[in-house]
PDB file of N, CA and C in Angstrom:
ATOM      1  N   MET A   1       5.233   9.374 -43.051  1.00  0.00           N
ATOM      2  CA  MET A   1       5.634  10.793 -42.125  1.00  0.00           C
ATOM      3  C   MET A   1       4.188  11.640 -42.125  1.00  0.00           C
ATOM      4  N   SER A   2       3.781  11.466 -41.094  1.00  0.00           N
ATOM      5  CA  SER A   2       2.421  12.554 -40.872  1.00  0.00           C
ATOM      6  C   SER A   2       2.913  13.929 -40.711  1.00  0.00           C
ATOM      7  N   THR A   3       1.877  14.649 -40.903  1.00  0.00           N
ATOM      8  CA  THR A   3       1.845  16.196 -40.696  1.00  0.00           C
ATOM      9  C   THR A   3       0.864  16.876 -40.293  1.00  0.00           C
ATOM     10  N   ILE A   4       1.187  17.715 -39.229  1.00  0.00           N
ATOM     11  CA  ILE A   4       0.026  18.287 -38.305  1.00  0.00           C
ATOM     12  C   ILE A   4      -0.436  19.635 -39.246  1.00  0.00           C
ATOM     13  N   PRO A   5      -1.750  19.551 -39.342  1.00  0.00           N
ATOM     14  CA  PRO A   5      -2.396  20.623 -40.173  1.00  0.00           C
ATOM     15  C   PRO A   5      -2.374  21.998 -39.334  1.00  0.00           C
ATOM     16  N   ASP A   6      -2.517  23.175 -39.752  1.00  0.00           N
ATOM     17  CA  ASP A   6      -2.660  24.297 -39.433  1.00  0.00           C
ATOM     18  C   ASP A   6      -3.738  24.514 -38.951  1.00  0.00           C
ATOM     19  N   LEU A   7      -3.836  24.835 -37.163  1.00  0.00           N
ATOM     20  CA  LEU A   7      -5.104  24.949 -36.614  1.00  0.00           C
ATOM     21  C   LEU A   7      -5.372  26.427 -36.323  1.00  0.00           C
ATOM     22  N   SER A   8      -4.784  27.246 -37.095  1.00  0.00           N
ATOM     23  CA  SER A   8      -5.170  28.669 -37.022  1.00  0.00           C
ATOM     24  C   SER A   8      -6.380  28.761 -37.313  1.00  0.00           C
ATOM     25  N   GLY A   9      -7.495  29.605 -36.788  1.00  0.00           N
ATOM     26  CA  GLY A   9      -8.693  30.019 -37.442  1.00  0.00           C
ATOM     27  C   GLY A   9      -9.649  28.726 -37.138  1.00  0.00           C
ATOM     28  N   VAL A  10      -9.228  27.679 -36.531  1.00  0.00           N
ATOM     29  CA  VAL A  10     -10.248  26.668 -36.396  1.00  0.00           C
ATOM     30  C   VAL A  10     -11.595  27.171 -35.779  1.00  0.00           C
ATOM     31  N   GLU A  11     -12.621  26.507 -35.750  1.00  0.00           N
ATOM     32  CA  GLU A  11     -13.567  26.803 -35.144  1.00  0.00           C
ATOM     33  C   GLU A  11     -13.773  25.696 -33.662  1.00  0.00           C
ATOM     34  N   TRP A  12     -13.549  26.073 -32.621  1.00  0.00           N
ATOM     35  CA  TRP A  12     -13.678  25.149 -31.600  1.00  0.00           C
ATOM     36  C   TRP A  12     -15.149  24.787 -30.801  1.00  0.00           C
ATOM     37  N   VAL A  13     -15.484  23.710 -30.463  1.00  0.00           N
ATOM     38  CA  VAL A  13     -16.795  23.737 -30.026  1.00  0.00           C
ATOM     39  C   VAL A  13     -16.186  22.748 -28.498  1.00  0.00           C
ATOM     40  N   LYS A  14     -17.034  23.369 -27.566  1.00  0.00           N
ATOM     41  CA  LYS A  14     -16.989  23.058 -26.098  1.00  0.00           C
ATOM     42  C   LYS A  14     -17.873  21.748 -25.820  1.00  0.00           C
ATOM     43  N   SER A  15     -17.456  20.933 -25.128  1.00  0.00           N
ATOM     44  CA  SER A  15     -18.028  19.634 -24.736  1.00  0.00           C
ATOM     45  C   SER A  15     -19.229  20.249 -24.048  1.00  0.00           C
ATOM     46  N   SER A  16     -20.519  19.432 -24.162  1.00  0.00           N
ATOM     47  CA  SER A  16     -21.365  19.799 -23.715  1.00  0.00           C
ATOM     48  C   SER A  16     -21.415  19.347 -22.016  1.00  0.00           C
ATOM     49  N   TYR A  17     -20.440  18.685 -22.151  1.00  0.00           N
ATOM     50  CA  TYR A  17     -20.121  17.949 -20.562  1.00  0.00           C
ATOM     51  C   TYR A  17     -19.717  18.509 -19.706  1.00  0.00           C
ATOM     52  N   SER A  18     -18.536  19.527 -20.249  1.00  0.00           N
ATOM     53  CA  SER A  18     -17.848  20.406 -19.427  1.00  0.00           C
ATOM     54  C   SER A  18     -18.636  21.519 -18.467  1.00  0.00           C
ATOM     55  N   GLY A  19     -19.984  22.125 -18.670  1.00  0.00           N
ATOM     56  CA  GLY A  19     -20.445  22.715 -17.654  1.00  0.00           C
ATOM     57  C   GLY A  19     -19.373  24.142 -17.625  1.00  0.00           C
ATOM     58  N   ASN A  20     -19.994  24.829 -16.520  1.00  0.00           N
ATOM     59  CA  ASN A  20     -19.491  26.106 -16.480  1.00  0.00           C
ATOM     60  C   ASN A  20     -18.695  26.405 -15.144  1.00  0.00           C
ATOM     61  N   GLY A  21     -18.572  25.154 -14.626  1.00  0.00           N
ATOM     62  CA  GLY A  21     -18.099  25.367 -13.338  1.00  0.00           C
ATOM     63  C   GLY A  21     -16.590  25.349 -13.355  1.00  0.00           C
ATOM     64  N   GLY A  22     -16.095  25.429 -14.320  1.00  0.00           N
ATOM     65  CA  GLY A  22     -14.539  25.545 -14.314  1.00  0.00           C
ATOM     66  C   GLY A  22     -13.542  24.347 -14.223  1.00  0.00           C
ATOM     67  N   GLY A  23     -14.479  23.522 -14.372  1.00  0.00           N
ATOM     68  CA  GLY A  23     -13.771  22.180 -14.325  1.00  0.00           C
ATOM     69  C   GLY A  23     -12.865  21.466 -15.411  1.00  0.00           C
ATOM     70  N   SER A  24     -13.223  19.989 -15.694  1.00  0.00           N
ATOM     71  CA  SER A  24     -12.417  19.517 -16.808  1.00  0.00           C
ATOM     72  C   SER A  24     -13.277  20.077 -18.348  1.00  0.00           C
ATOM     73  N   CYS A  25     -12.559  21.033 -19.055  1.00  0.00           N
ATOM     74  CA  CYS A  25     -13.276  21.469 -20.145  1.00  0.00           C
ATOM     75  C   CYS A  25     -12.637  21.250 -21.238  1.00  0.00           C
ATOM     76  N   VAL A  26     -13.010  20.546 -22.204  1.00  0.00           N
ATOM     77  CA  VAL A  26     -12.242  20.087 -23.326  1.00  0.00           C
ATOM     78  C   VAL A  26     -13.077  20.408 -24.593  1.00  0.00           C
ATOM     79  N   GLU A  27     -12.170  20.940 -25.570  1.00  0.00           N
ATOM     80  CA  GLU A  27     -12.860  21.575 -26.970  1.00  0.00           C
ATOM     81  C   GLU A  27     -12.583  20.699 -28.072  1.00  0.00           C
ATOM     82  N   TRP A  28     -13.191  20.599 -29.243  1.00  0.00           N
ATOM     83  CA  TRP A  28     -12.774  19.839 -30.280  1.00  0.00           C
ATOM     84  C   TRP A  28     -13.064  20.731 -31.596  1.00  0.00           C
ATOM     85  N   ALA A  29     -12.569  20.326 -32.581  1.00  0.00           N
ATOM     86  CA  ALA A  29     -12.792  21.147 -33.822  1.00  0.00           C
ATOM     87  C   ALA A  29     -13.443  20.162 -34.750  1.00  0.00           C
ATOM     88  N   PRO A  30     -15.170  19.919 -34.776  1.00  0.00           N
ATOM     89  CA  PRO A  30     -15.638  19.187 -35.655  1.00  0.00           C
ATOM     90  C   PRO A  30     -15.688  19.455 -37.115  1.00  0.00           C
ATOM     91  N   LYS A  31     -15.036  20.564 -37.460  1.00  0.00           N
ATOM     92  CA  LYS A  31     -15.310  21.023 -38.861  1.00  0.00           C
ATOM     93  C   LYS A  31     -13.835  20.401 -39.469  1.00  0.00           C
ATOM     94  N   THR A  32     -12.849  20.662 -38.616  1.00  0.00           N
ATOM     95  CA  THR A  32     -11.588  20.329 -39.156  1.00  0.00           C
ATOM     96  C   THR A  32     -11.599  18.812 -39.258  1.00  0.00           C
ATOM     97  N   ALA A  33     -12.237  17.804 -38.260  1.00  0.00           N
ATOM     98  CA  ALA A  33     -12.149  16.839 -38.316  1.00  0.00           C
ATOM     99  C   ALA A  33     -13.003  16.241 -39.704  1.00  0.00           C
ATOM    100  N   THR A  34     -14.211  16.599 -40.214  1.00  0.00           N
ATOM    101  CA  THR A  34     -14.232  16.494 -41.783  1.00  0.00           C
ATOM    102  C   THR A  34     -13.619  17.006 -42.826  1.00  0.00           C
ATOM    103  N   VAL A  35     -12.960  17.741 -42.883  1.00  0.00           N
ATOM    104  CA  VAL A  35     -12.226  18.517 -43.790  1.00  0.00           C
ATOM    105  C   VAL A  35     -10.572  17.435 -43.840  1.00  0.00           C
ATOM    106  N   VAL A  36     -10.243  17.925 -42.778  1.00  0.00           N
ATOM    107  CA  VAL A  36      -8.760  17.350 -42.692  1.00  0.00           C
ATOM    108  C   VAL A  36      -8.421  16.032 -42.200  1.00  0.00           C
ATOM    109  N   ARG A  37      -9.403  15.268 -41.829  1.00  0.00           N
ATOM    110  CA  ARG A  37      -9.333  13.760 -41.249  1.00  0.00           C
ATOM    111  C   ARG A  37      -8.811  13.931 -40.118  1.00  0.00           C
ATOM    112  N   VAL A  38      -8.421  14.713 -39.037  1.00  0.00           N
ATOM    113  CA  VAL A  38      -7.918  14.524 -38.009  1.00  0.00           C
ATOM    114  C   VAL A  38      -8.767  15.162 -36.963  1.00  0.00           C
ATOM    115  N   VAL A  39      -8.864  14.963 -35.880  1.00  0.00           N
ATOM    116  CA  VAL A  39      -9.517  15.462 -34.441  1.00  0.00           C
ATOM    117  C   VAL A  39      -8.813  16.170 -33.195  1.00  0.00           C
ATOM    118  N   PRO A  40      -8.616  17.458 -33.768  1.00  0.00           N
ATOM    119  CA  PRO A  40      -8.157  18.378 -32.725  1.00  0.00           C
ATOM    120  C   PRO A  40      -8.686  18.334 -31.472  1.00  0.00           C
ATOM    121  N   VAL A  41      -8.274  18.447 -30.405  1.00  0.00           N
ATOM    122  CA  VAL A  41      -8.758  18.473 -28.982  1.00  0.00           C
ATOM    123  C   VAL A  41      -7.834  19.041 -28.457  1.00  0.00           C
ATOM    124  N   ARG A  42      -8.358  20.129 -27.406  1.00  0.00           N
ATOM    125  CA  ARG A  42      -7.754  21.175 -26.358  1.00  0.00           C
ATOM    126  C   ARG A  42      -8.239  21.084 -25.333  1.00  0.00           C
ATOM    127  N   ASP A  43      -7.708  21.995 -24.380  1.00  0.00           N
ATOM    128  CA  ASP A  43      -8.063  22.294 -23.141  1.00  0.00           C
ATOM    129  C   ASP A  43      -8.530  23.408 -23.396  1.00  0.00           C
ATOM    130  N   SER A  44     -10.017  23.985 -22.829  1.00  0.00           N
ATOM    131  CA  SER A  44     -10.533  25.143 -23.150  1.00  0.00           C
ATOM    132  C   SER A  44     -10.098  26.413 -22.109  1.00  0.00           C
ATOM    133  N   LYS A  45      -9.527  25.723 -21.151  1.00  0.00           N
ATOM    134  CA  LYS A  45      -8.755  26.396 -20.352  1.00  0.00           C
ATOM    135  C   LYS A  45      -7.724  27.108 -20.522  1.00  0.00           C
ATOM    136  N   ASN A  46      -7.004  26.487 -21.229  1.00  0.00           N
ATOM    137  CA  ASN A  46      -5.512  26.801 -22.122  1.00  0.00           C
ATOM    138  C   ASN A  46      -5.678  26.808 -23.481  1.00  0.00           C
ATOM    139  N   PRO A  47      -6.258  27.637 -24.100  1.00  0.00           N
ATOM    140  CA  PRO A  47      -6.444  27.655 -25.417  1.00  0.00           C
ATOM    141  C   PRO A  47      -5.281  27.820 -26.471  1.00  0.00           C
ATOM    142  N   ASN A  48      -4.262  28.221 -25.755  1.00  0.00           N
ATOM    143  CA  ASN A  48      -2.787  28.680 -26.605  1.00  0.00           C
ATOM    144  C   ASN A  48      -1.976  27.498 -25.929  1.00  0.00           C
ATOM    145  N   GLY A  49      -2.432  26.335 -25.536  1.00  0.00           N
ATOM    146  CA  GLY A  49      -1.420  25.374 -24.683  1.00  0.00           C
ATOM    147  C   GLY A  49      -1.550  24.437 -26.123  1.00  0.00           C
ATOM    148  N   PRO A  50      -1.189  23.137 -25.698  1.00  0.00           N
ATOM    149  CA  PRO A  50      -0.869  22.150 -26.486  1.00  0.00           C
ATOM    150  C   PRO A  50      -1.982  21.541 -27.237  1.00  0.00           C
ATOM    151  N   THR A  51      -2.308  21.037 -28.376  1.00  0.00           N
ATOM    152  CA  THR A  51      -3.627  20.619 -29.156  1.00  0.00           C
ATOM    153  C   THR A  51      -3.172  19.019 -29.362  1.00  0.00           C
ATOM    154  N   LEU A  52      -3.886  18.030 -29.023  1.00  0.00           N
ATOM    155  CA  LEU A  52      -3.803  16.677 -29.331  1.00  0.00           C
ATOM    156  C   LEU A  52      -4.545  16.251 -30.632  1.00  0.00           C
ATOM    157  N   VAL A  53      -4.181  15.686 -31.641  1.00  0.00           N
ATOM    158  CA  VAL A  53      -4.485  15.269 -32.716  1.00  0.00           C
ATOM    159  C   VAL A  53      -4.755  13.760 -32.951  1.00  0.00           C
ATOM    160  N   PHE A  54      -5.860  13.475 -33.374  1.00  0.00           N
ATOM    161  CA  PHE A  54      -6.245  11.987 -33.119  1.00  0.00           C
ATOM    162  C   PHE A  54      -6.544  11.741 -34.783  1.00  0.00           C
ATOM    163  N   PRO A  55      -6.731  10.696 -35.000  1.00  0.00           N
ATOM    164  CA  PRO A  55      -7.472  10.033 -36.320  1.00  0.00           C
ATOM    165  C   PRO A  55      -8.886   9.977 -36.165  1.00  0.00           C
ATOM    166  N   PRO A  56      -9.755   9.862 -36.808  1.00  0.00           N
ATOM    167  CA  PRO A  56     -11.143  10.031 -36.621  1.00  0.00           C
ATOM    168  C   PRO A  56     -11.264   8.745 -36.042  1.00  0.00           C
ATOM    169  N   SER A  57     -11.044   7.411 -36.389  1.00  0.00           N
ATOM    170  CA  SER A  57     -11.112   5.952 -36.052  1.00  0.00           C
ATOM    171  C   SER A  57     -11.032   5.816 -34.559  1.00  0.00           C
ATOM    172  N   SER A  58      -9.880   6.320 -33.933  1.00  0.00           N
ATOM    173  CA  SER A  58      -9.438   6.418 -32.740  1.00  0.00           C
ATOM    174  C   SER A  58     -10.221   7.556 -31.697  1.00  0.00           C
ATOM    175  N   TRP A  59     -10.770   8.466 -32.260  1.00  0.00           N
ATOM    176  CA  TRP A  59     -11.817   9.429 -31.755  1.00  0.00           C
ATOM    177  C   TRP A  59     -13.166   8.962 -31.346  1.00  0.00           C
ATOM    178  N   ALA A  60     -13.207   8.347 -32.473  1.00  0.00           N
ATOM    179  CA  ALA A  60     -14.944   7.756 -32.207  1.00  0.00           C
ATOM    180  C   ALA A  60     -14.648   6.412 -31.227  1.00  0.00           C
ATOM    181  N   SER A  61     -13.595   5.574 -31.004  1.00  0.00           N
ATOM    182  CA  SER A  61     -13.261   4.543 -30.406  1.00  0.00           C
ATOM    183  C   SER A  61     -13.467   4.981 -28.809  1.00  0.00           C
ATOM    184  N   PHE A  62     -12.604   6.201 -28.759  1.00  0.00           N
ATOM    185  CA  PHE A  62     -12.943   6.797 -27.325  1.00  0.00           C
ATOM    186  C   PHE A  62     -14.253   7.386 -26.931  1.00  0.00           C
ATOM    187  N   ILE A  63     -14.732   8.031 -27.915  1.00  0.00           N
ATOM    188  CA  ILE A  63     -16.346   8.399 -27.668  1.00  0.00           C
ATOM    189  C   ILE A  63     -17.218   7.702 -27.291  1.00  0.00           C
ATOM    190  N   SER A  64     -16.925   6.058 -27.969  1.00  0.00           N
ATOM    191  CA  SER A  64     -17.824   5.032 -27.887  1.00  0.00           C
ATOM    192  C   SER A  64     -17.569   4.639 -26.271  1.00  0.00           C
ATOM    193  N   ALA A  65     -16.322   4.500 -25.750  1.00  0.00           N
ATOM    194  CA  ALA A  65     -16.078   3.965 -24.637  1.00  0.00           C
ATOM    195  C   ALA A  65     -16.465   4.781 -23.475  1.00  0.00           C
ATOM    196  N   VAL A  66     -16.477   6.371 -23.636  1.00  0.00           N
ATOM    197  CA  VAL A  66     -16.927   7.124 -22.812  1.00  0.00           C
ATOM    198  C   VAL A  66     -18.363   6.955 -22.652  1.00  0.00           C
ATOM    199  N   ARG A  67     -19.245   7.072 -23.766  1.00  0.00           N
ATOM    200  CA  ARG A  67     -20.877   6.732 -23.692  1.00  0.00           C
ATOM    201  C   ARG A  67     -21.010   5.404 -22.907  1.00  0.00           C
ATOM    202  N   GLY A  68     -20.246   4.438 -23.156  1.00  0.00           N
ATOM    203  CA  GLY A  68     -20.447   3.211 -22.587  1.00  0.00           C
ATOM    204  C   GLY A  68     -20.092   3.191 -20.981  1.00  0.00           C
ATOM    205  N   GLY A  69     -19.506   4.179 -20.583  1.00  0.00           N
ATOM    206  CA  GLY A  69     -19.335   3.692 -19.053  1.00  0.00           C
ATOM    207  C   GLY A  69     -17.929   3.157 -18.940  1.00  0.00           C
ATOM    208  N   GLU A  70     -17.227   3.003 -19.859  1.00  0.00           N
ATOM    209  CA  GLU A  70     -15.692   2.327 -19.307  1.00  0.00           C
ATOM    210  C   GLU A  70     -15.006   3.000 -18.739  1.00  0.00           C
ATOM    211  N   PHE A  71     -15.273   4.549 -18.400  1.00  0.00           N
ATOM    212  CA  PHE A  71     -14.251   5.169 -17.880  1.00  0.00           C
ATOM    213  C   PHE A  71     -15.077   5.673 -16.599  1.00  0.00           C
ATOM    214  N   HIS A  72     -14.476   5.754 -15.469  1.00  0.00           N
ATOM    215  CA  HIS A  72     -15.088   5.984 -13.747  1.00  0.00           C
ATOM    216  C   HIS A  72     -14.720   7.537 -13.237  1.00  0.00           C
ATOM    217  N   GLY A  73     -14.982   7.979 -12.771  1.00  0.00           N
ATOM    218  CA  GLY A  73     -14.567   9.479 -12.219  1.00  0.00           C
ATOM    219  C   GLY A  73     -13.842   8.825 -10.777  1.00  0.00           C
ATOM    220  N   ALA A  74     -12.877   9.815 -10.863  1.00  0.00           N
ATOM    221  CA  ALA A  74     -11.985   9.620  -9.603  1.00  0.00           C
ATOM    222  C   ALA A  74     -12.784   9.893  -8.109  1.00  0.00           C
TER     223      ALA A  74
END
């Protein structure tokens, strides 16, 4: 059984790729990833909305795929 950590008070960091144009804005909590061993991710436009939580290995694979150009814009 897995438990979701308490994310209140977490320090969120906005992706450098999000820009300021109000488009796709992603935030993550790197300090939480280091301490709790999960990577919380949320939409910065809706900070009170749902938070996705990933194992660090899955997040690392996703970031590697993004950097490798495996996802193409619509």
